[in-house]
PDB file of N, CA and C in Angstrom:
ATOM      1  N   UNK A   1      10.304  -0.527  -0.761  1.00  0.00           N
ATOM      2  CA  UNK A   1       9.051  -0.301  -1.447  1.00  0.00           C
ATOM      3  C   UNK A   1       7.994   0.062  -0.405  1.00  0.00           C
ATOM      4  N   UNK A   2       7.187   1.057  -0.716  1.00  0.00           N
ATOM      5  CA  UNK A   2       6.090   1.471   0.169  1.00  0.00           C
ATOM      6  C   UNK A   2       4.819   0.739  -0.278  1.00  0.00           C
ATOM      7  N   UNK A   3       4.117   0.148   0.684  1.00  0.00           N
ATOM      8  CA  UNK A   3       2.866  -0.555   0.393  1.00  0.00           C
ATOM      9  C   UNK A   3       1.705   0.111   1.106  1.00  0.00           C
ATOM     10  N   UNK A   4       0.543   0.032   0.480  1.00  0.00           N
ATOM     11  CA  UNK A   4      -0.725   0.394   1.102  1.00  0.00           C
ATOM     12  C   UNK A   4      -1.597  -0.853   1.062  1.00  0.00           C
ATOM     13  N   UNK A   5      -1.981  -1.312   2.236  1.00  0.00           N
ATOM     14  CA  UNK A   5      -2.822  -2.504   2.358  1.00  0.00           C
ATOM     15  C   UNK A   5      -4.149  -2.053   2.952  1.00  0.00           C
ATOM     16  N   UNK A   6      -5.214  -2.270   2.216  1.00  0.00           N
ATOM     17  CA  UNK A   6      -6.549  -1.853   2.654  1.00  0.00           C
ATOM     18  C   UNK A   6      -7.324  -3.081   3.119  1.00  0.00           C
ATOM     19  N   UNK A   7      -7.890  -2.967   4.338  1.00  0.00           N
ATOM     20  CA  UNK A   7      -8.690  -4.060   4.882  1.00  0.00           C
ATOM     21  C   UNK A   7     -10.057  -3.523   5.299  1.00  0.00           C
ATOM     22  N   UNK A   8     -11.040  -4.413   5.272  1.00  0.00           N
ATOM     23  CA  UNK A   8     -12.421  -4.062   5.631  1.00  0.00           C
ATOM     24  C   UNK A   8     -12.547  -4.068   7.144  1.00  0.00           C
ATOM     25  N   UNK A   9     -13.033  -2.960   7.693  1.00  0.00           N
ATOM     26  CA  UNK A   9     -13.204  -2.843   9.133  1.00  0.00           C
ATOM     27  C   UNK A   9     -12.109  -1.995   9.757  1.00  0.00           C
ATOM     28  N   UNK A  10     -12.398  -1.483  10.934  1.00  0.00           N
ATOM     29  CA  UNK A  10     -11.419  -0.658  11.631  1.00  0.00           C
ATOM     30  C   UNK A  10     -10.543  -1.507  12.539  1.00  0.00           C
ATOM     31  N   UNK A  11      -9.261  -1.225  12.484  1.00  0.00           N
ATOM     32  CA  UNK A  11      -8.255  -1.915  13.280  1.00  0.00           C
ATOM     33  C   UNK A  11      -7.722  -0.921  14.299  1.00  0.00           C
ATOM     34  N   UNK A  12      -7.631  -1.322  15.559  1.00  0.00           N
ATOM     35  CA  UNK A  12      -7.140  -0.424  16.601  1.00  0.00           C
ATOM     36  C   UNK A  12      -5.659  -0.105  16.439  1.00  0.00           C
ATOM     37  N   UNK A  13      -5.266   1.065  16.893  1.00  0.00           N
ATOM     38  CA  UNK A  13      -3.865   1.502  16.776  1.00  0.00           C
ATOM     39  C   UNK A  13      -2.909   0.623  17.585  1.00  0.00           C
ATOM     40  N   UNK A  14      -3.428  -0.126  18.550  1.00  0.00           N
ATOM     41  CA  UNK A  14      -2.577  -1.008  19.348  1.00  0.00           C
ATOM     42  C   UNK A  14      -1.946  -2.117  18.505  1.00  0.00           C
ATOM     43  N   UNK A  15      -2.428  -2.292  17.270  1.00  0.00           N
ATOM     44  CA  UNK A  15      -1.887  -3.312  16.382  1.00  0.00           C
ATOM     45  C   UNK A  15      -0.665  -2.825  15.591  1.00  0.00           C
ATOM     46  N   UNK A  16      -0.247  -1.578  15.775  1.00  0.00           N
ATOM     47  CA  UNK A  16       0.871  -1.019  15.006  1.00  0.00           C
ATOM     48  C   UNK A  16       2.129  -1.880  15.138  1.00  0.00           C
ATOM     49  N   UNK A  17       2.485  -2.273  16.355  1.00  0.00           N
ATOM     50  CA  UNK A  17       3.696  -3.091  16.536  1.00  0.00           C
ATOM     51  C   UNK A  17       3.563  -4.446  15.851  1.00  0.00           C
ATOM     52  N   UNK A  18       2.385  -5.025  15.925  1.00  0.00           N
ATOM     53  CA  UNK A  18       2.177  -6.339  15.304  1.00  0.00           C
ATOM     54  C   UNK A  18       2.308  -6.246  13.790  1.00  0.00           C
ATOM     55  N   UNK A  19       1.932  -5.096  13.241  1.00  0.00           N
ATOM     56  CA  UNK A  19       2.056  -4.879  11.806  1.00  0.00           C
ATOM     57  C   UNK A  19       3.369  -4.176  11.470  1.00  0.00           C
ATOM     58  N   UNK A  20       4.375  -4.435  12.302  1.00  0.00           N
ATOM     59  CA  UNK A  20       5.761  -4.043  12.040  1.00  0.00           C
ATOM     60  C   UNK A  20       5.924  -2.559  11.750  1.00  0.00           C
ATOM     61  N   UNK A  21       5.217  -1.725  12.508  1.00  0.00           N
ATOM     62  CA  UNK A  21       5.396  -0.287  12.413  1.00  0.00           C
ATOM     63  C   UNK A  21       4.687   0.402  11.271  1.00  0.00           C
ATOM     64  N   UNK A  22       3.831  -0.297  10.546  1.00  0.00           N
ATOM     65  CA  UNK A  22       3.073   0.368   9.487  1.00  0.00           C
ATOM     66  C   UNK A  22       2.128   1.392  10.110  1.00  0.00           C
ATOM     67  N   UNK A  23       1.878   2.470   9.396  1.00  0.00           N
ATOM     68  CA  UNK A  23       0.924   3.475   9.848  1.00  0.00           C
ATOM     69  C   UNK A  23      -0.491   2.937   9.656  1.00  0.00           C
ATOM     70  N   UNK A  24      -1.307   3.057  10.677  1.00  0.00           N
ATOM     71  CA  UNK A  24      -2.702   2.607  10.616  1.00  0.00           C
ATOM     72  C   UNK A  24      -3.595   3.823  10.481  1.00  0.00           C
ATOM     73  N   UNK A  25      -4.334   3.881   9.376  1.00  0.00           N
ATOM     74  CA  UNK A  25      -5.263   4.988   9.132  1.00  0.00           C
ATOM     75  C   UNK A  25      -6.682   4.434   9.074  1.00  0.00           C
ATOM     76  N   UNK A  26      -7.545   4.953   9.941  1.00  0.00           N
ATOM     77  CA  UNK A  26      -8.949   4.545   9.947  1.00  0.00           C
ATOM     78  C   UNK A  26      -9.707   5.480   9.013  1.00  0.00           C
ATOM     79  N   UNK A  27     -10.342   4.922   8.014  1.00  0.00           N
ATOM     80  CA  UNK A  27     -11.041   5.735   7.026  1.00  0.00           C
ATOM     81  C   UNK A  27     -12.526   5.852   7.360  1.00  0.00           C
ATOM     82  N   UNK A  28     -13.130   6.930   6.862  1.00  0.00           N
ATOM     83  CA  UNK A  28     -14.541   7.207   7.149  1.00  0.00           C
ATOM     84  C   UNK A  28     -15.480   6.116   6.646  1.00  0.00           C
ATOM     85  N   UNK A  29     -15.066   5.402   5.596  1.00  0.00           N
ATOM     86  CA  UNK A  29     -15.932   4.369   5.023  1.00  0.00           C
ATOM     87  C   UNK A  29     -15.870   3.050   5.793  1.00  0.00           C
ATOM     88  N   UNK A  30     -15.114   3.027   6.904  1.00  0.00           N
ATOM     89  CA  UNK A  30     -15.038   1.817   7.724  1.00  0.00           C
ATOM     90  C   UNK A  30     -13.831   0.951   7.428  1.00  0.00           C
ATOM     91  N   UNK A  31     -13.040   1.304   6.419  1.00  0.00           N
ATOM     92  CA  UNK A  31     -11.842   0.540   6.077  1.00  0.00           C
ATOM     93  C   UNK A  31     -10.653   1.006   6.912  1.00  0.00           C
ATOM     94  N   UNK A  32      -9.635   0.174   6.949  1.00  0.00           N
ATOM     95  CA  UNK A  32      -8.355   0.530   7.558  1.00  0.00           C
ATOM     96  C   UNK A  32      -7.298   0.476   6.474  1.00  0.00           C
ATOM     97  N   UNK A  33      -6.424   1.475   6.456  1.00  0.00           N
ATOM     98  CA  UNK A  33      -5.329   1.526   5.503  1.00  0.00           C
ATOM     99  C   UNK A  33      -4.027   1.373   6.278  1.00  0.00           C
ATOM    100  N   UNK A  34      -3.263   0.338   5.946  1.00  0.00           N
ATOM    101  CA  UNK A  34      -1.939   0.111   6.523  1.00  0.00           C
ATOM    102  C   UNK A  34      -0.922   0.598   5.498  1.00  0.00           C
ATOM    103  N   UNK A  35      -0.053   1.520   5.888  1.00  0.00           N
ATOM    104  CA  UNK A  35       0.898   2.110   4.949  1.00  0.00           C
ATOM    105  C   UNK A  35       2.290   2.110   5.542  1.00  0.00           C
ATOM    106  N   UNK A  36       3.274   1.737   4.703  1.00  0.00           N
ATOM    107  CA  UNK A  36       4.656   1.821   5.150  1.00  0.00           C
ATOM    108  C   UNK A  36       5.579   0.965   4.320  1.00  0.00           C
ATOM    109  N   UNK A  37       6.862   1.008   4.665  1.00  0.00           N
ATOM    110  CA  UNK A  37       7.856   0.257   3.900  1.00  0.00           C
ATOM    111  C   UNK A  37       7.768  -1.245   4.176  1.00  0.00           C
ATOM    112  N   UNK A  38       7.934  -2.017   3.122  1.00  0.00           N
ATOM    113  CA  UNK A  38       7.990  -3.475   3.214  1.00  0.00           C
ATOM    114  C   UNK A  38       9.266  -3.890   2.479  1.00  0.00           C
ATOM    115  N   UNK A  39      10.159  -4.562   3.192  1.00  0.00           N
ATOM    116  CA  UNK A  39      11.507  -4.784   2.660  1.00  0.00           C
ATOM    117  C   UNK A  39      11.582  -5.771   1.503  1.00  0.00           C
ATOM    118  N   UNK A  40      10.705  -6.777   1.495  1.00  0.00           N
ATOM    119  CA  UNK A  40      10.760  -7.770   0.418  1.00  0.00           C
ATOM    120  C   UNK A  40       9.454  -8.555   0.360  1.00  0.00           C
ATOM    121  N   UNK A  41       9.381  -9.486  -0.582  1.00  0.00           N
ATOM    122  CA  UNK A  41       8.156 -10.271  -0.767  1.00  0.00           C
ATOM    123  C   UNK A  41       7.838 -11.138   0.447  1.00  0.00           C
ATOM    124  N   UNK A  42       8.859 -11.646   1.124  1.00  0.00           N
ATOM    125  CA  UNK A  42       8.617 -12.460   2.323  1.00  0.00           C
ATOM    126  C   UNK A  42       7.941 -11.624   3.408  1.00  0.00           C
ATOM    127  N   UNK A  43       8.380 -10.384   3.570  1.00  0.00           N
ATOM    128  CA  UNK A  43       7.764  -9.497   4.564  1.00  0.00           C
ATOM    129  C   UNK A  43       6.328  -9.165   4.172  1.00  0.00           C
ATOM    130  N   UNK A  44       6.093  -8.974   2.879  1.00  0.00           N
ATOM    131  CA  UNK A  44       4.726  -8.702   2.406  1.00  0.00           C
ATOM    132  C   UNK A  44       3.811  -9.884   2.699  1.00  0.00           C
ATOM    133  N   UNK A  45       4.272 -11.092   2.407  1.00  0.00           N
ATOM    134  CA  UNK A  45       3.459 -12.284   2.671  1.00  0.00           C
ATOM    135  C   UNK A  45       3.189 -12.437   4.172  1.00  0.00           C
ATOM    136  N   UNK A  46       4.163 -12.070   4.993  1.00  0.00           N
ATOM    137  CA  UNK A  46       3.973 -12.126   6.438  1.00  0.00           C
ATOM    138  C   UNK A  46       2.869 -11.169   6.879  1.00  0.00           C
ATOM    139  N   UNK A  47       2.871  -9.961   6.327  1.00  0.00           N
ATOM    140  CA  UNK A  47       1.815  -8.991   6.649  1.00  0.00           C
ATOM    141  C   UNK A  47       0.444  -9.477   6.197  1.00  0.00           C
ATOM    142  N   UNK A  48       0.393 -10.038   4.993  1.00  0.00           N
ATOM    143  CA  UNK A  48      -0.890 -10.535   4.479  1.00  0.00           C
ATOM    144  C   UNK A  48      -1.402 -11.712   5.296  1.00  0.00           C
ATOM    145  N   UNK A  49      -0.501 -12.559   5.810  1.00  0.00           N
ATOM    146  CA  UNK A  49      -0.909 -13.656   6.696  1.00  0.00           C
ATOM    147  C   UNK A  49      -1.515 -13.103   7.987  1.00  0.00           C
ATOM    148  N   UNK A  50      -0.946 -12.003   8.485  1.00  0.00           N
ATOM    149  CA  UNK A  50      -1.483 -11.402   9.707  1.00  0.00           C
ATOM    150  C   UNK A  50      -2.900 -10.873   9.480  1.00  0.00           C
ATOM    151  N   UNK A  51      -3.120 -10.259   8.318  1.00  0.00           N
ATOM    152  CA  UNK A  51      -4.473  -9.803   7.981  1.00  0.00           C
ATOM    153  C   UNK A  51      -5.419 -11.003   7.957  1.00  0.00           C
ATOM    154  N   UNK A  52      -4.988 -12.071   7.323  1.00  0.00           N
ATOM    155  CA  UNK A  52      -5.812 -13.288   7.260  1.00  0.00           C
ATOM    156  C   UNK A  52      -6.102 -13.825   8.657  1.00  0.00           C
ATOM    157  N   UNK A  53      -5.066 -13.854   9.518  1.00  0.00           N
ATOM    158  CA  UNK A  53      -5.227 -14.395  10.866  1.00  0.00           C
ATOM    159  C   UNK A  53      -6.197 -13.579  11.716  1.00  0.00           C
ATOM    160  N   UNK A  54      -6.316 -12.282  11.427  1.00  0.00           N
ATOM    161  CA  UNK A  54      -7.284 -11.446  12.135  1.00  0.00           C
ATOM    162  C   UNK A  54      -8.715 -11.717  11.683  1.00  0.00           C
ATOM    163  N   UNK A  55      -8.851 -12.333  10.513  1.00  0.00           N
ATOM    164  CA  UNK A  55     -10.181 -12.607   9.976  1.00  0.00           C
ATOM    165  C   UNK A  55     -10.813 -11.388   9.334  1.00  0.00           C
ATOM    166  N   UNK A  56      -9.987 -10.393   9.003  1.00  0.00           N
ATOM    167  CA  UNK A  56     -10.504  -9.175   8.363  1.00  0.00           C
ATOM    168  C   UNK A  56     -10.308  -9.300   6.863  1.00  0.00           C
ATOM    169  N   UNK A  57     -11.342  -9.022   6.075  1.00  0.00           N
ATOM    170  CA  UNK A  57     -11.222  -9.171   4.620  1.00  0.00           C
ATOM    171  C   UNK A  57     -10.212  -8.183   4.029  1.00  0.00           C
ATOM    172  N   UNK A  58      -9.335  -8.707   3.182  1.00  0.00           N
ATOM    173  CA  UNK A  58      -8.372  -7.897   2.445  1.00  0.00           C
ATOM    174  C   UNK A  58      -9.089  -7.280   1.250  1.00  0.00           C
ATOM    175  N   UNK A  59      -8.985  -5.964   1.115  1.00  0.00           N
ATOM    176  CA  UNK A  59      -9.595  -5.286  -0.025  1.00  0.00           C
ATOM    177  C   UNK A  59      -8.567  -5.097  -1.133  1.00  0.00           C
ATOM    178  N   UNK A  60      -7.366  -4.610  -0.771  1.00  0.00           N
ATOM    179  CA  UNK A  60      -6.339  -4.404  -1.783  1.00  0.00           C
ATOM    180  C   UNK A  60      -4.965  -4.291  -1.141  1.00  0.00           C
ATOM    181  N   UNK A  61      -3.944  -4.520  -1.946  1.00  0.00           N
ATOM    182  CA  UNK A  61      -2.551  -4.289  -1.562  1.00  0.00           C
ATOM    183  C   UNK A  61      -1.897  -3.621  -2.764  1.00  0.00           C
ATOM    184  N   UNK A  62      -1.333  -2.455  -2.530  1.00  0.00           N
ATOM    185  CA  UNK A  62      -0.798  -1.645  -3.614  1.00  0.00           C
ATOM    186  C   UNK A  62       0.625  -1.219  -3.283  1.00  0.00           C
ATOM    187  N   UNK A  63       1.554  -1.418  -4.222  1.00  0.00           N
ATOM    188  CA  UNK A  63       2.947  -1.020  -4.035  1.00  0.00           C
ATOM    189  C   UNK A  63       3.233   0.261  -4.804  1.00  0.00           C
ATOM    190  N   UNK A  64       4.002   1.119  -4.176  1.00  0.00           N
ATOM    191  CA  UNK A  64       4.466   2.317  -4.869  1.00  0.00           C
ATOM    192  C   UNK A  64       5.893   2.579  -4.439  1.00  0.00           C
ATOM    193  N   UNK A  65       6.658   3.168  -5.327  1.00  0.00           N
ATOM    194  CA  UNK A  65       8.034   3.501  -5.029  1.00  0.00           C
ATOM    195  C   UNK A  65       8.222   4.977  -5.326  1.00  0.00           C
ATOM    196  N   UNK A  66       8.091   5.844  -4.307  1.00  0.00           N
ATOM    197  CA  UNK A  66       8.154   7.284  -4.562  1.00  0.00           C
ATOM    198  C   UNK A  66       9.512   7.749  -5.066  1.00  0.00           C
ATOM    199  N   UNK A  67      10.561   6.982  -4.845  1.00  0.00           N
ATOM    200  CA  UNK A  67      11.895   7.390  -5.292  1.00  0.00           C
ATOM    201  C   UNK A  67      12.095   7.158  -6.784  1.00  0.00           C
ATOM    202  N   UNK A  68      11.315   6.284  -7.361  1.00  0.00           N
ATOM    203  CA  UNK A  68      11.472   5.959  -8.777  1.00  0.00           C
ATOM    204  C   UNK A  68      10.765   7.009  -9.628  1.00  0.00           C
ATOM    205  N   UNK A  69      11.461   7.558 -10.583  1.00  0.00           N
ATOM    206  CA  UNK A  69      10.898   8.550 -11.483  1.00  0.00           C
ATOM    207  C   UNK A  69      10.610   7.904 -12.821  1.00  0.00           C
ATOM    208  N   UNK A  70       9.533   8.316 -13.444  1.00  0.00           N
ATOM    209  CA  UNK A  70       9.221   7.837 -14.785  1.00  0.00           C
ATOM    210  C   UNK A  70      10.168   8.506 -15.772  1.00  0.00           C
ATOM    211  N   UNK A  71      10.770   7.723 -16.634  1.00  0.00           N
ATOM    212  CA  UNK A  71      11.631   8.274 -17.657  1.00  0.00           C
ATOM    213  C   UNK A  71      10.810   8.566 -18.903  1.00  0.00           C
ATOM    214  N   UNK A  72      11.091   9.700 -19.543  1.00  0.00           N
ATOM    215  CA  UNK A  72      10.358   9.994 -20.780  1.00  0.00           C
ATOM    216  C   UNK A  72      10.686   8.963 -21.852  1.00  0.00           C
ATOM    217  N   UNK A  73       9.695   8.630 -22.633  1.00  0.00           N
ATOM    218  CA  UNK A  73       9.892   7.721 -23.752  1.00  0.00           C
ATOM    219  C   UNK A  73       9.639   8.476 -25.037  1.00  0.00           C
ATOM    220  N   UNK A  74       9.908   7.823 -26.143  1.00  0.00           N
ATOM    221  CA  UNK A  74       9.654   8.478 -27.421  1.00  0.00           C
ATOM    222  C   UNK A  74       8.176   8.803 -27.570  1.00  0.00           C
ATOM    223  N   UNK A  75       7.308   8.005 -26.957  1.00  0.00           N
ATOM    224  CA  UNK A  75       5.865   8.264 -27.024  1.00  0.00           C
ATOM    225  C   UNK A  75       5.492   9.540 -26.281  1.00  0.00           C
ATOM    226  N   UNK A  76       6.240   9.866 -25.193  1.00  0.00           N
ATOM    227  CA  UNK A  76       5.890  11.074 -24.456  1.00  0.00           C
ATOM    228  C   UNK A  76       6.187  12.318 -25.285  1.00  0.00           C
ATOM    229  N   UNK A  77       7.214  12.281 -26.130  1.00  0.00           N
ATOM    230  CA  UNK A  77       7.486  13.412 -27.007  1.00  0.00           C
ATOM    231  C   UNK A  77       6.358  13.582 -28.013  1.00  0.00           C
ATOM    232  N   UNK A  78       5.842  12.475 -28.519  1.00  0.00           N
ATOM    233  CA  UNK A  78       4.735  12.522 -29.461  1.00  0.00           C
ATOM    234  C   UNK A  78       3.520  13.166 -28.800  1.00  0.00           C
ATOM    235  N   UNK A  79       3.271  12.814 -27.526  1.00  0.00           N
ATOM    236  CA  UNK A  79       2.149  13.388 -26.806  1.00  0.00           C
ATOM    237  C   UNK A  79       2.303  14.881 -26.630  1.00  0.00           C
ATOM    238  N   UNK A  80       3.548  15.356 -26.386  1.00  0.00           N
ATOM    239  CA  UNK A  80       3.772  16.784 -26.232  1.00  0.00           C
ATOM    240  C   UNK A  80       3.498  17.524 -27.535  1.00  0.00           C
ATOM    241  N   UNK A  81       3.887  16.939 -28.665  1.00  0.00           N
ATOM    242  CA  UNK A  81       3.650  17.577 -29.952  1.00  0.00           C
ATOM    243  C   UNK A  81       2.158  17.674 -30.244  1.00  0.00           C
ATOM    244  N   UNK A  82       1.396  16.669 -29.829  1.00  0.00           N
ATOM    245  CA  UNK A  82      -0.039  16.674 -30.058  1.00  0.00           C
ATOM    246  C   UNK A  82      -0.751  17.719 -29.201  1.00  0.00           C
ATOM    247  N   UNK A  83      -0.130  18.104 -28.066  1.00  0.00           N
ATOM    248  CA  UNK A  83      -0.757  19.070 -27.173  1.00  0.00           C
ATOM    249  C   UNK A  83      -0.596  20.495 -27.706  1.00  0.00           C
ATOM    250  N   UNK A  84       0.358  20.726 -28.620  1.00  0.00           N
ATOM    251  CA  UNK A  84       0.612  22.091 -29.117  1.00  0.00           C
ATOM    252  C   UNK A  84      -0.424  22.547 -30.075  1.00  0.00           C
TER     253      UNK A  84
END
């Protein structure tokens, strides 16, 4: 599973190894975005503990799975008929 963890404040790139290889993106608004694969819930909790230990406020943690495709449902067919 790919996670995006947003924290308040800029984090230096030297922290990449400590955050287990997640990509560190410094955003213009002053936030830092940590992005990358997290193998399980234990690994996620470990990352969140590290954010806490730095004393940087956690803004959000978002999971996405790019390999998973949405399957059409009967409701999606109804939506297509309404678009015609």
